[in-house]
Amino acid sequence: MSGTTTKTGTFNLNNQAKYGVAVRCSSLVVQVIQATASELSNPKLACSSSTPTTVPFTVNVSVNTSLFESGDSVCVNGEACLPASSSVSIGLNLEPGNQDLLVTLSSGSSVAAVLSK
């Protein structure tokens, strides 16, 4: 690798038809390319100097009134909790990308319902 701000590396494929390159940009981000020399003869990987940002996201939950009592909570991922009602909107800041959300209706330490997607 050469360069200070922009690093450049040259790899000899030694007549190999396929190759793979992985660059660790930070402790959380790895860029990967897998290709053939004919598909991509001069690949470029770019690392951002900024840390991953979060995306504001709202989970809207409808709860049947027969399922909860006063004092019960609706929680997302066990952290973002609001008092249970027939309609609950919980705001979150999530990292970009696909992920599962765990929605629970609970009374103290017991869980009455679990929904995940």
Protein backbone atom coordinates (compact mmCIF):
# COMPACT_ATOMS: atom_id res chain seq x y z
CA MET A 1 0.00 0.00 0.00
CA SER A 2 1.27 3.46 -0.83
CA GLY A 3 0.03 6.99 -0.24
CA THR A 4 -0.91 9.00 2.83
CA THR A 5 -4.52 10.21 2.53
CA THR A 6 -5.50 7.92 -0.35
CA LYS A 7 -3.89 4.49 -0.16
CA THR A 8 -3.20 2.55 -3.37
CA GLY A 9 -2.38 -1.13 -3.62
CA THR A 10 -1.45 -3.22 -6.64
CA PHE A 11 -1.93 -6.98 -6.62
CA ASN A 12 -0.60 -9.42 -9.20
CA LEU A 13 -3.28 -12.00 -10.01
CA ASN A 14 -0.70 -14.46 -11.43
CA ASN A 15 -3.10 -15.56 -14.19
CA GLN A 16 -5.85 -16.31 -11.68
CA ALA A 17 -9.34 -15.78 -13.12
CA LYS A 18 -10.97 -14.82 -9.79
CA TYR A 19 -9.87 -12.62 -6.94
CA GLY A 20 -11.12 -11.14 -3.68
CA VAL A 21 -9.99 -8.05 -1.80
CA ALA A 22 -11.06 -6.98 1.68
CA VAL A 23 -10.14 -3.66 3.28
CA ARG A 24 -10.83 -2.89 6.93
CA CYS A 25 -11.81 0.78 7.04
CA SER A 26 -12.48 0.92 10.78
CA SER A 27 -13.32 -1.45 13.61
CA LEU A 28 -16.95 -1.51 12.36
CA VAL A 29 -16.59 -1.31 8.56
CA VAL A 30 -15.04 -3.77 6.08
CA GLN A 31 -15.26 -3.27 2.31
CA VAL A 32 -15.11 -6.44 0.17
CA ILE A 33 -14.85 -7.04 -3.59
CA GLN A 34 -15.00 -10.48 -5.22
CA ALA A 35 -14.81 -10.58 -9.00
CA THR A 36 -12.99 -11.89 -12.02
CA ALA A 37 -10.30 -9.91 -13.82
CA SER A 38 -12.60 -9.56 -16.85
CA GLU A 39 -15.50 -8.25 -14.70
CA LEU A 40 -13.50 -5.69 -12.77
CA SER A 41 -9.88 -5.21 -13.78
CA ASN A 42 -9.15 -2.11 -11.68
CA PRO A 43 -11.32 -2.15 -8.52
CA LYS A 44 -11.55 0.81 -6.17
CA LEU A 45 -12.67 0.68 -2.55
CA ALA A 46 -13.53 3.86 -0.68
CA CYS A 47 -13.61 4.17 3.10
CA SER A 48 -15.47 6.98 4.78
CA SER A 49 -13.71 8.80 7.58
CA SER A 50 -16.98 9.34 9.45
CA THR A 51 -18.54 6.87 11.86
CA PRO A 52 -21.80 5.14 10.88
CA THR A 53 -24.79 7.37 11.45
CA THR A 54 -28.14 6.35 12.80
CA VAL A 55 -31.48 6.60 11.10
CA PRO A 56 -34.52 7.94 12.98
CA PHE A 57 -37.26 5.32 12.91
CA THR A 58 -40.71 5.07 14.48
CA VAL A 59 -42.42 1.82 15.44
CA ASN A 60 -46.21 2.17 15.58
CA VAL A 61 -47.87 -0.55 17.66
CA SER A 62 -51.59 -1.25 17.97
CA VAL A 63 -52.49 -3.22 21.09
CA ASN A 64 -55.88 -4.78 21.77
CA THR A 65 -57.15 -3.19 25.00
CA SER A 66 -58.00 -6.62 26.43
CA LEU A 67 -54.26 -7.50 26.46
CA PHE A 68 -52.95 -4.85 28.85
CA GLU A 69 -53.62 -3.25 32.22
CA SER A 70 -52.57 0.02 33.80
CA GLY A 71 -48.82 -0.08 34.44
CA ASP A 72 -47.98 -2.37 31.49
CA SER A 73 -45.36 -1.32 28.94
CA VAL A 74 -44.75 -1.72 25.23
CA CYS A 75 -41.03 -2.05 24.48
CA VAL A 76 -38.91 -2.31 21.34
CA ASN A 77 -35.66 -4.26 21.65
CA GLY A 78 -36.07 -4.25 25.45
CA GLU A 79 -34.87 -0.65 25.74
CA ALA A 80 -37.33 1.84 24.22
CA CYS A 81 -40.44 1.49 26.41
CA LEU A 82 -43.64 3.47 26.76
CA PRO A 83 -46.79 2.89 28.81
CA ALA A 84 -49.15 0.47 27.07
CA SER A 85 -52.19 1.88 25.29
CA SER A 86 -54.22 0.94 22.24
CA SER A 87 -51.81 2.91 20.03
CA VAL A 88 -48.14 3.40 20.89
CA SER A 89 -45.50 5.16 18.75
CA ILE A 90 -41.92 4.52 19.84
CA GLY A 91 -39.11 6.55 18.29
CA LEU A 92 -35.72 4.92 17.80
CA ASN A 93 -32.35 5.78 16.28
CA LEU A 94 -31.13 2.66 14.50
CA GLU A 95 -27.98 1.87 12.55
CA PRO A 96 -28.61 1.58 8.80
CA GLY A 97 -29.24 -1.91 7.41
CA ASN A 98 -31.54 -4.86 7.91
CA GLN A 99 -32.23 -5.88 11.48
CA ASP A 100 -34.84 -7.57 13.60
CA LEU A 101 -36.97 -5.61 16.04
CA LEU A 102 -38.40 -7.28 19.14
CA VAL A 103 -41.69 -5.74 20.33
CA THR A 104 -42.95 -6.81 23.74
CA LEU A 105 -45.98 -6.08 25.91
CA SER A 106 -44.96 -6.61 29.51
CA SER A 107 -46.10 -6.21 33.08
CA GLY A 108 -43.08 -6.02 35.35
CA SER A 109 -40.95 -9.06 34.59
CA SER A 110 -43.60 -11.11 32.74
CA VAL A 111 -44.06 -10.82 28.98
CA ALA A 112 -47.60 -11.07 27.63
CA ALA A 113 -46.86 -10.94 23.89
CA VAL A 114 -43.82 -10.97 21.64
CA LEU A 115 -43.72 -9.80 18.02
CA SER A 116 -40.57 -9.72 15.91
CA LYS A 117 -39.67 -8.80 12.38
